[in-house]
PDB file of N, CA and C in Angstrom:
ATOM      1  N   UNK A   1     108.700 133.662 228.871  1.00  0.00           N
ATOM      2  CA  UNK A   1     109.167 133.453 230.109  1.00  0.00           C
ATOM      3  C   UNK A   1     110.782 134.371 230.431  1.00  0.00           C
ATOM      4  N   UNK A   2     110.513 135.346 231.215  1.00  0.00           N
ATOM      5  CA  UNK A   2     112.009 135.960 231.385  1.00  0.00           C
ATOM      6  C   UNK A   2     112.726 135.367 232.556  1.00  0.00           C
ATOM      7  N   UNK A   3     113.580 134.257 232.632  1.00  0.00           N
ATOM      8  CA  UNK A   3     114.508 133.720 233.437  1.00  0.00           C
ATOM      9  C   UNK A   3     115.257 134.424 234.293  1.00  0.00           C
ATOM     10  N   UNK A   4     115.740 135.979 233.927  1.00  0.00           N
ATOM     11  CA  UNK A   4     116.548 136.666 234.919  1.00  0.00           C
ATOM     12  C   UNK A   4     115.512 137.280 235.935  1.00  0.00           C
ATOM     13  N   UNK A   5     114.093 137.329 235.613  1.00  0.00           N
ATOM     14  CA  UNK A   5     113.414 138.054 236.637  1.00  0.00           C
ATOM     15  C   UNK A   5     113.169 136.872 237.348  1.00  0.00           C
ATOM     16  N   UNK A   6     112.601 135.626 236.822  1.00  0.00           N
ATOM     17  CA  UNK A   6     112.363 134.849 238.104  1.00  0.00           C
ATOM     18  C   UNK A   6     113.314 134.173 238.816  1.00  0.00           C
ATOM     19  N   UNK A   7     114.755 134.076 238.353  1.00  0.00           N
ATOM     20  CA  UNK A   7     115.754 133.718 239.337  1.00  0.00           C
ATOM     21  C   UNK A   7     115.967 134.581 240.175  1.00  0.00           C
ATOM     22  N   UNK A   8     116.012 136.149 239.590  1.00  0.00           N
ATOM     23  CA  UNK A   8     115.934 137.196 240.894  1.00  0.00           C
ATOM     24  C   UNK A   8     114.937 137.036 242.014  1.00  0.00           C
ATOM     25  N   UNK A   9     113.943 137.015 241.425  1.00  0.00           N
ATOM     26  CA  UNK A   9     112.591 136.990 242.786  1.00  0.00           C
ATOM     27  C   UNK A   9     112.600 135.776 243.297  1.00  0.00           C
ATOM     28  N   UNK A  10     113.049 134.593 243.027  1.00  0.00           N
ATOM     29  CA  UNK A  10     113.230 133.568 243.786  1.00  0.00           C
ATOM     30  C   UNK A  10     114.293 133.281 244.679  1.00  0.00           C
ATOM     31  N   UNK A  11     115.162 134.107 244.326  1.00  0.00           N
ATOM     32  CA  UNK A  11     116.178 134.009 245.100  1.00  0.00           C
ATOM     33  C   UNK A  11     116.074 134.859 246.064  1.00  0.00           C
ATOM     34  N   UNK A  12     115.239 136.238 246.239  1.00  0.00           N
ATOM     35  CA  UNK A  12     115.021 137.448 247.003  1.00  0.00           C
ATOM     36  C   UNK A  12     114.345 136.906 247.813  1.00  0.00           C
ATOM     37  N   UNK A  13     113.193 136.787 247.518  1.00  0.00           N
ATOM     38  CA  UNK A  13     111.673 136.944 248.385  1.00  0.00           C
ATOM     39  C   UNK A  13     111.147 135.238 248.916  1.00  0.00           C
ATOM     40  N   UNK A  14     110.667 135.300 249.740  1.00  0.00           N
ATOM     41  CA  UNK A  14     109.880 134.126 250.404  1.00  0.00           C
ATOM     42  C   UNK A  14     108.574 133.841 249.492  1.00  0.00           C
ATOM     43  N   UNK A  15     108.056 132.498 249.630  1.00  0.00           N
ATOM     44  CA  UNK A  15     106.948 132.462 248.977  1.00  0.00           C
ATOM     45  C   UNK A  15     105.638 133.129 249.408  1.00  0.00           C
ATOM     46  N   UNK A  16     105.743 133.497 250.498  1.00  0.00           N
ATOM     47  CA  UNK A  16     104.924 134.480 251.138  1.00  0.00           C
ATOM     48  C   UNK A  16     104.826 135.719 250.733  1.00  0.00           C
ATOM     49  N   UNK A  17     106.289 135.944 250.795  1.00  0.00           N
ATOM     50  CA  UNK A  17     106.247 137.423 250.138  1.00  0.00           C
ATOM     51  C   UNK A  17     105.917 137.850 248.856  1.00  0.00           C
ATOM     52  N   UNK A  18     106.328 136.775 247.881  1.00  0.00           N
ATOM     53  CA  UNK A  18     105.778 136.852 246.646  1.00  0.00           C
ATOM     54  C   UNK A  18     104.403 136.670 246.210  1.00  0.00           C
ATOM     55  N   UNK A  19     104.027 136.104 246.933  1.00  0.00           N
ATOM     56  CA  UNK A  19     102.223 136.064 246.982  1.00  0.00           C
ATOM     57  C   UNK A  19     101.768 137.421 247.417  1.00  0.00           C
ATOM     58  N   UNK A  20     102.271 138.026 248.296  1.00  0.00           N
ATOM     59  CA  UNK A  20     102.136 139.424 248.871  1.00  0.00           C
ATOM     60  C   UNK A  20     101.996 140.457 247.520  1.00  0.00           C
ATOM     61  N   UNK A  21     103.278 140.002 246.859  1.00  0.00           N
ATOM     62  CA  UNK A  21     103.494 140.789 245.727  1.00  0.00           C
ATOM     63  C   UNK A  21     102.525 140.942 244.661  1.00  0.00           C
ATOM     64  N   UNK A  22     102.295 139.398 243.958  1.00  0.00           N
ATOM     65  CA  UNK A  22     101.106 139.344 243.699  1.00  0.00           C
ATOM     66  C   UNK A  22      99.646 140.046 243.703  1.00  0.00           C
ATOM     67  N   UNK A  23      99.566 139.938 244.914  1.00  0.00           N
ATOM     68  CA  UNK A  23      98.098 140.227 245.622  1.00  0.00           C
ATOM     69  C   UNK A  23      98.194 142.294 245.475  1.00  0.00           C
ATOM     70  N   UNK A  24      99.429 142.618 245.776  1.00  0.00           N
ATOM     71  CA  UNK A  24      99.371 144.184 245.657  1.00  0.00           C
ATOM     72  C   UNK A  24      99.261 144.832 244.229  1.00  0.00           C
ATOM     73  N   UNK A  25      99.956 143.892 243.553  1.00  0.00           N
ATOM     74  CA  UNK A  25      99.685 144.214 241.968  1.00  0.00           C
ATOM     75  C   UNK A  25      98.078 143.917 241.457  1.00  0.00           C
ATOM     76  N   UNK A  26      97.526 142.826 242.229  1.00  0.00           N
ATOM     77  CA  UNK A  26      96.170 143.090 241.559  1.00  0.00           C
ATOM     78  C   UNK A  26      95.730 144.301 242.220  1.00  0.00           C
ATOM     79  N   UNK A  27      95.724 144.413 243.277  1.00  0.00           N
ATOM     80  CA  UNK A  27      95.007 145.225 244.307  1.00  0.00           C
ATOM     81  C   UNK A  27      94.998 146.524 243.531  1.00  0.00           C
ATOM     82  N   UNK A  28      96.458 146.971 243.602  1.00  0.00           N
ATOM     83  CA  UNK A  28      97.000 148.533 243.523  1.00  0.00           C
ATOM     84  C   UNK A  28      97.510 148.773 242.082  1.00  0.00           C
ATOM     85  N   UNK A  29      98.144 147.835 241.416  1.00  0.00           N
ATOM     86  CA  UNK A  29      98.609 147.897 240.186  1.00  0.00           C
ATOM     87  C   UNK A  29     100.332 148.062 240.194  1.00  0.00           C
ATOM     88  N   UNK A  30     100.672 147.665 241.467  1.00  0.00           N
ATOM     89  CA  UNK A  30     102.206 147.951 241.761  1.00  0.00           C
ATOM     90  C   UNK A  30     102.475 147.097 243.033  1.00  0.00           C
ATOM     91  N   UNK A  31     103.900 146.783 243.050  1.00  0.00           N
ATOM     92  CA  UNK A  31     104.110 145.888 244.035  1.00  0.00           C
ATOM     93  C   UNK A  31     105.814 146.034 244.011  1.00  0.00           C
ATOM     94  N   UNK A  32     106.251 145.517 245.432  1.00  0.00           N
ATOM     95  CA  UNK A  32     107.798 146.019 245.373  1.00  0.00           C
ATOM     96  C   UNK A  32     108.774 144.847 244.996  1.00  0.00           C
ATOM     97  N   UNK A  33     108.223 143.728 244.525  1.00  0.00           N
ATOM     98  CA  UNK A  33     108.993 142.505 243.986  1.00  0.00           C
ATOM     99  C   UNK A  33     109.253 143.099 242.615  1.00  0.00           C
ATOM    100  N   UNK A  34     108.689 143.555 241.406  1.00  0.00           N
ATOM    101  CA  UNK A  34     109.068 143.235 240.077  1.00  0.00           C
ATOM    102  C   UNK A  34     108.390 144.843 239.937  1.00  0.00           C
ATOM    103  N   UNK A  35     108.717 145.586 239.003  1.00  0.00           N
ATOM    104  CA  UNK A  35     108.200 146.916 238.574  1.00  0.00           C
ATOM    105  C   UNK A  35     108.652 147.222 237.139  1.00  0.00           C
ATOM    106  N   UNK A  36     108.102 147.792 236.452  1.00  0.00           N
ATOM    107  CA  UNK A  36     108.775 148.479 235.377  1.00  0.00           C
ATOM    108  C   UNK A  36     107.735 147.359 234.107  1.00  0.00           C
ATOM    109  N   UNK A  37     107.005 146.721 234.322  1.00  0.00           N
ATOM    110  CA  UNK A  37     106.219 145.830 233.283  1.00  0.00           C
ATOM    111  C   UNK A  37     104.596 146.210 233.689  1.00  0.00           C
ATOM    112  N   UNK A  38     104.122 145.500 232.342  1.00  0.00           N
ATOM    113  CA  UNK A  38     102.649 145.726 232.372  1.00  0.00           C
ATOM    114  C   UNK A  38     102.226 144.524 233.685  1.00  0.00           C
ATOM    115  N   UNK A  39     101.010 144.924 234.297  1.00  0.00           N
ATOM    116  CA  UNK A  39     100.358 143.915 235.162  1.00  0.00           C
ATOM    117  C   UNK A  39     100.220 142.548 234.866  1.00  0.00           C
ATOM    118  N   UNK A  40      99.897 142.426 233.520  1.00  0.00           N
ATOM    119  CA  UNK A  40     100.041 140.961 233.286  1.00  0.00           C
ATOM    120  C   UNK A  40     100.797 140.164 233.118  1.00  0.00           C
ATOM    121  N   UNK A  41     101.929 140.487 232.914  1.00  0.00           N
ATOM    122  CA  UNK A  41     103.604 140.260 232.791  1.00  0.00           C
ATOM    123  C   UNK A  41     104.119 140.287 234.478  1.00  0.00           C
ATOM    124  N   UNK A  42     103.950 141.406 235.275  1.00  0.00           N
ATOM    125  CA  UNK A  42     104.056 140.874 236.425  1.00  0.00           C
ATOM    126  C   UNK A  42     103.693 139.925 237.097  1.00  0.00           C
ATOM    127  N   UNK A  43     102.503 139.847 237.254  1.00  0.00           N
ATOM    128  CA  UNK A  43     101.780 138.579 237.498  1.00  0.00           C
ATOM    129  C   UNK A  43     102.358 137.426 237.157  1.00  0.00           C
ATOM    130  N   UNK A  44     102.418 137.414 235.869  1.00  0.00           N
ATOM    131  CA  UNK A  44     103.153 135.726 235.207  1.00  0.00           C
ATOM    132  C   UNK A  44     104.065 135.562 236.020  1.00  0.00           C
ATOM    133  N   UNK A  45     105.417 136.788 235.622  1.00  0.00           N
ATOM    134  CA  UNK A  45     106.421 136.284 236.519  1.00  0.00           C
ATOM    135  C   UNK A  45     106.793 136.030 237.771  1.00  0.00           C
ATOM    136  N   UNK A  46     105.620 137.103 238.603  1.00  0.00           N
ATOM    137  CA  UNK A  46     105.573 136.226 239.937  1.00  0.00           C
ATOM    138  C   UNK A  46     105.358 135.112 240.402  1.00  0.00           C
ATOM    139  N   UNK A  47     104.160 134.714 239.319  1.00  0.00           N
ATOM    140  CA  UNK A  47     103.656 133.552 239.658  1.00  0.00           C
ATOM    141  C   UNK A  47     104.988 132.670 239.439  1.00  0.00           C
ATOM    142  N   UNK A  48     105.566 132.580 238.303  1.00  0.00           N
ATOM    143  CA  UNK A  48     106.413 131.650 238.293  1.00  0.00           C
ATOM    144  C   UNK A  48     107.366 131.542 239.125  1.00  0.00           C
ATOM    145  N   UNK A  49     107.818 132.840 239.549  1.00  0.00           N
ATOM    146  CA  UNK A  49     108.692 132.763 240.410  1.00  0.00           C
ATOM    147  C   UNK A  49     108.432 132.014 242.006  1.00  0.00           C
ATOM    148  N   UNK A  50     107.158 132.001 241.973  1.00  0.00           N
ATOM    149  CA  UNK A  50     106.809 131.347 243.611  1.00  0.00           C
ATOM    150  C   UNK A  50     106.799 130.167 243.649  1.00  0.00           C
ATOM    151  N   UNK A  51     106.057 129.679 242.120  1.00  0.00           N
ATOM    152  CA  UNK A  51     106.578 128.089 241.806  1.00  0.00           C
ATOM    153  C   UNK A  51     107.981 127.613 242.135  1.00  0.00           C
ATOM    154  N   UNK A  52     108.807 128.433 241.579  1.00  0.00           N
ATOM    155  CA  UNK A  52     110.392 127.982 241.619  1.00  0.00           C
ATOM    156  C   UNK A  52     110.637 127.994 243.020  1.00  0.00           C
ATOM    157  N   UNK A  53     110.391 129.325 244.096  1.00  0.00           N
ATOM    158  CA  UNK A  53     110.680 129.362 244.992  1.00  0.00           C
ATOM    159  C   UNK A  53     110.256 127.848 246.028  1.00  0.00           C
ATOM    160  N   UNK A  54     109.002 127.838 245.743  1.00  0.00           N
ATOM    161  CA  UNK A  54     108.819 127.032 246.771  1.00  0.00           C
ATOM    162  C   UNK A  54     109.430 125.513 246.570  1.00  0.00           C
ATOM    163  N   UNK A  55     109.924 125.353 245.274  1.00  0.00           N
ATOM    164  CA  UNK A  55     110.690 124.260 244.801  1.00  0.00           C
ATOM    165  C   UNK A  55     111.591 124.127 245.341  1.00  0.00           C
ATOM    166  N   UNK A  56     112.371 125.326 245.705  1.00  0.00           N
ATOM    167  CA  UNK A  56     114.132 125.694 245.911  1.00  0.00           C
ATOM    168  C   UNK A  56     113.773 125.123 247.476  1.00  0.00           C
ATOM    169  N   UNK A  57     112.820 125.858 248.136  1.00  0.00           N
ATOM    170  CA  UNK A  57     112.486 125.429 249.480  1.00  0.00           C
ATOM    171  C   UNK A  57     112.288 123.936 249.945  1.00  0.00           C
ATOM    172  N   UNK A  58     111.588 123.265 249.104  1.00  0.00           N
ATOM    173  CA  UNK A  58     111.694 121.963 249.434  1.00  0.00           C
ATOM    174  C   UNK A  58     113.013 120.735 248.896  1.00  0.00           C
ATOM    175  N   UNK A  59     114.177 121.526 248.546  1.00  0.00           N
ATOM    176  CA  UNK A  59     115.558 121.108 248.615  1.00  0.00           C
ATOM    177  C   UNK A  59     115.985 121.118 246.979  1.00  0.00           C
ATOM    178  N   UNK A  60     115.109 121.443 246.042  1.00  0.00           N
ATOM    179  CA  UNK A  60     115.426 121.303 244.589  1.00  0.00           C
ATOM    180  C   UNK A  60     116.273 122.589 244.406  1.00  0.00           C
ATOM    181  N   UNK A  61     117.783 122.455 243.548  1.00  0.00           N
ATOM    182  CA  UNK A  61     118.238 123.528 243.206  1.00  0.00           C
ATOM    183  C   UNK A  61     117.537 124.426 242.220  1.00  0.00           C
ATOM    184  N   UNK A  62     118.186 125.511 242.163  1.00  0.00           N
ATOM    185  CA  UNK A  62     117.513 126.442 241.304  1.00  0.00           C
ATOM    186  C   UNK A  62     117.356 125.822 239.931  1.00  0.00           C
ATOM    187  N   UNK A  63     118.570 125.667 239.369  1.00  0.00           N
ATOM    188  CA  UNK A  63     118.472 124.582 237.773  1.00  0.00           C
ATOM    189  C   UNK A  63     117.144 123.859 237.334  1.00  0.00           C
ATOM    190  N   UNK A  64     117.236 123.163 238.691  1.00  0.00           N
ATOM    191  CA  UNK A  64     116.091 121.816 238.518  1.00  0.00           C
ATOM    192  C   UNK A  64     114.926 122.541 238.875  1.00  0.00           C
ATOM    193  N   UNK A  65     114.403 123.762 239.599  1.00  0.00           N
ATOM    194  CA  UNK A  65     113.379 123.839 239.574  1.00  0.00           C
ATOM    195  C   UNK A  65     113.012 125.032 238.348  1.00  0.00           C
ATOM    196  N   UNK A  66     113.704 125.494 237.859  1.00  0.00           N
ATOM    197  CA  UNK A  66     113.281 126.130 236.465  1.00  0.00           C
ATOM    198  C   UNK A  66     112.813 124.991 235.624  1.00  0.00           C
ATOM    199  N   UNK A  67     113.714 123.984 235.477  1.00  0.00           N
ATOM    200  CA  UNK A  67     113.419 122.838 234.901  1.00  0.00           C
ATOM    201  C   UNK A  67     112.069 122.142 234.995  1.00  0.00           C
ATOM    202  N   UNK A  68     111.937 122.056 236.139  1.00  0.00           N
ATOM    203  CA  UNK A  68     110.433 121.661 236.622  1.00  0.00           C
ATOM    204  C   UNK A  68     109.031 122.227 236.249  1.00  0.00           C
ATOM    205  N   UNK A  69     109.534 124.082 236.410  1.00  0.00           N
ATOM    206  CA  UNK A  69     108.759 125.047 235.935  1.00  0.00           C
ATOM    207  C   UNK A  69     108.542 124.705 234.488  1.00  0.00           C
ATOM    208  N   UNK A  70     108.833 124.449 233.745  1.00  0.00           N
ATOM    209  CA  UNK A  70     109.207 124.234 232.116  1.00  0.00           C
ATOM    210  C   UNK A  70     108.895 123.310 232.035  1.00  0.00           C
ATOM    211  N   UNK A  71     108.961 122.159 232.452  1.00  0.00           N
ATOM    212  CA  UNK A  71     107.775 120.971 232.375  1.00  0.00           C
ATOM    213  C   UNK A  71     106.450 121.205 232.421  1.00  0.00           C
ATOM    214  N   UNK A  72     106.139 121.830 233.908  1.00  0.00           N
ATOM    215  CA  UNK A  72     105.132 121.852 234.120  1.00  0.00           C
ATOM    216  C   UNK A  72     104.156 122.755 233.559  1.00  0.00           C
ATOM    217  N   UNK A  73     104.851 124.084 232.610  1.00  0.00           N
ATOM    218  CA  UNK A  73     104.293 124.706 231.599  1.00  0.00           C
ATOM    219  C   UNK A  73     104.241 124.083 230.328  1.00  0.00           C
ATOM    220  N   UNK A  74     104.835 122.801 229.718  1.00  0.00           N
ATOM    221  CA  UNK A  74     104.754 122.300 228.720  1.00  0.00           C
ATOM    222  C   UNK A  74     103.075 121.323 229.203  1.00  0.00           C
ATOM    223  N   UNK A  75     103.160 121.045 230.356  1.00  0.00           N
ATOM    224  CA  UNK A  75     102.051 119.960 230.135  1.00  0.00           C
ATOM    225  C   UNK A  75     100.926 120.840 230.059  1.00  0.00           C
ATOM    226  N   UNK A  76     100.683 122.310 230.959  1.00  0.00           N
ATOM    227  CA  UNK A  76      99.629 123.138 230.481  1.00  0.00           C
ATOM    228  C   UNK A  76      99.322 123.460 229.276  1.00  0.00           C
ATOM    229  N   UNK A  77     100.168 123.943 228.406  1.00  0.00           N
ATOM    230  CA  UNK A  77     100.119 124.024 227.299  1.00  0.00           C
ATOM    231  C   UNK A  77      99.994 123.030 226.041  1.00  0.00           C
ATOM    232  N   UNK A  78      99.995 121.871 226.596  1.00  0.00           N
ATOM    233  CA  UNK A  78      99.747 120.885 225.524  1.00  0.00           C
ATOM    234  C   UNK A  78      98.239 119.728 226.097  1.00  0.00           C
ATOM    235  N   UNK A  79      97.867 120.706 227.069  1.00  0.00           N
ATOM    236  CA  UNK A  79      96.536 120.386 227.178  1.00  0.00           C
ATOM    237  C   UNK A  79      96.060 118.954 228.376  1.00  0.00           C
ATOM    238  N   UNK A  80      97.485 118.988 229.038  1.00  0.00           N
ATOM    239  CA  UNK A  80      97.701 117.684 229.703  1.00  0.00           C
ATOM    240  C   UNK A  80      97.676 116.382 228.809  1.00  0.00           C
ATOM    241  N   UNK A  81      98.220 116.399 227.848  1.00  0.00           N
ATOM    242  CA  UNK A  81      98.490 115.227 226.645  1.00  0.00           C
ATOM    243  C   UNK A  81      99.903 114.360 227.259  1.00  0.00           C
ATOM    244  N   UNK A  82      99.789 113.511 226.662  1.00  0.00           N
ATOM    245  CA  UNK A  82     100.954 112.453 227.556  1.00  0.00           C
ATOM    246  C   UNK A  82     101.919 112.709 227.366  1.00  0.00           C
ATOM    247  N   UNK A  83     103.335 112.784 228.019  1.00  0.00           N
ATOM    248  CA  UNK A  83     104.598 113.434 227.921  1.00  0.00           C
ATOM    249  C   UNK A  83     105.145 111.826 227.511  1.00  0.00           C
ATOM    250  N   UNK A  84     106.147 112.075 226.767  1.00  0.00           N
ATOM    251  CA  UNK A  84     107.094 111.079 226.438  1.00  0.00           C
ATOM    252  C   UNK A  84     107.619 110.079 227.482  1.00  0.00           C
ATOM    253  N   UNK A  85     107.572 108.593 227.520  1.00  0.00           N
ATOM    254  CA  UNK A  85     108.141 108.106 228.445  1.00  0.00           C
ATOM    255  C   UNK A  85     107.176 107.970 229.544  1.00  0.00           C
ATOM    256  N   UNK A  86     105.743 108.797 229.367  1.00  0.00           N
ATOM    257  CA  UNK A  86     104.813 108.201 230.220  1.00  0.00           C
ATOM    258  C   UNK A  86     104.971 108.312 231.695  1.00  0.00           C
ATOM    259  N   UNK A  87     105.681 109.721 231.992  1.00  0.00           N
ATOM    260  CA  UNK A  87     105.270 110.030 233.370  1.00  0.00           C
ATOM    261  C   UNK A  87     104.217 110.387 233.800  1.00  0.00           C
ATOM    262  N   UNK A  88     104.182 110.508 234.984  1.00  0.00           N
ATOM    263  CA  UNK A  88     102.772 111.103 235.614  1.00  0.00           C
ATOM    264  C   UNK A  88     103.021 112.692 236.060  1.00  0.00           C
ATOM    265  N   UNK A  89     101.756 112.890 236.560  1.00  0.00           N
ATOM    266  CA  UNK A  89     101.413 114.660 236.515  1.00  0.00           C
ATOM    267  C   UNK A  89     100.619 114.615 237.410  1.00  0.00           C
ATOM    268  N   UNK A  90     100.249 115.892 238.216  1.00  0.00           N
ATOM    269  CA  UNK A  90      99.444 116.164 239.472  1.00  0.00           C
ATOM    270  C   UNK A  90      98.866 116.977 238.368  1.00  0.00           C
ATOM    271  N   UNK A  91      97.538 116.833 238.315  1.00  0.00           N
ATOM    272  CA  UNK A  91      96.353 117.401 237.636  1.00  0.00           C
ATOM    273  C   UNK A  91      95.436 117.929 238.407  1.00  0.00           C
ATOM    274  N   UNK A  92      94.298 118.104 238.138  1.00  0.00           N
ATOM    275  CA  UNK A  92      93.067 118.937 238.751  1.00  0.00           C
ATOM    276  C   UNK A  92      93.006 118.423 240.221  1.00  0.00           C
ATOM    277  N   UNK A  93      92.482 119.354 241.312  1.00  0.00           N
ATOM    278  CA  UNK A  93      92.224 118.351 242.700  1.00  0.00           C
ATOM    279  C   UNK A  93      93.673 117.840 242.947  1.00  0.00           C
ATOM    280  N   UNK A  94      94.961 117.662 242.210  1.00  0.00           N
ATOM    281  CA  UNK A  94      95.839 117.116 242.747  1.00  0.00           C
ATOM    282  C   UNK A  94      96.015 115.860 242.695  1.00  0.00           C
ATOM    283  N   UNK A  95      95.135 115.228 242.220  1.00  0.00           N
ATOM    284  CA  UNK A  95      94.780 113.904 241.400  1.00  0.00           C
ATOM    285  C   UNK A  95      96.112 113.338 240.757  1.00  0.00           C
ATOM    286  N   UNK A  96      96.784 112.096 241.359  1.00  0.00           N
ATOM    287  CA  UNK A  96      97.817 111.693 240.574  1.00  0.00           C
ATOM    288  C   UNK A  96      97.199 111.113 239.410  1.00  0.00           C
ATOM    289  N   UNK A  97      97.987 111.265 238.404  1.00  0.00           N
ATOM    290  CA  UNK A  97      97.651 110.764 237.006  1.00  0.00           C
ATOM    291  C   UNK A  97      98.869 109.831 236.343  1.00  0.00           C
ATOM    292  N   UNK A  98      98.700 108.646 235.892  1.00  0.00           N
ATOM    293  CA  UNK A  98      99.767 108.103 235.338  1.00  0.00           C
ATOM    294  C   UNK A  98      99.360 107.525 233.838  1.00  0.00           C
ATOM    295  N   UNK A  99      99.919 107.864 232.888  1.00  0.00           N
ATOM    296  CA  UNK A  99      99.956 107.828 231.421  1.00  0.00           C
ATOM    297  C   UNK A  99     100.545 106.299 230.940  1.00  0.00           C
TER     298      UNK A  99
END
């Protein structure tokens, strides 16, 4: 994860603009938000920036939004196994789960 790219994109573009860049990248292989990377990396970075930007729009500061993104990524990578402390998460279909 390239924090520099995510931070720059999240600060510069709205969630709608980021999603537009993702669509452009998928459809044409190019976009205005992030260039000079492979399509896979561009889509990954834009998707992460979109999550961070949406959290910022909900009132979270950038550092906390990046931490939340990292927490969510750990959940996905662990296959939704229980995190320490019995924290809850929103899983498939946004159903609230409690450990």
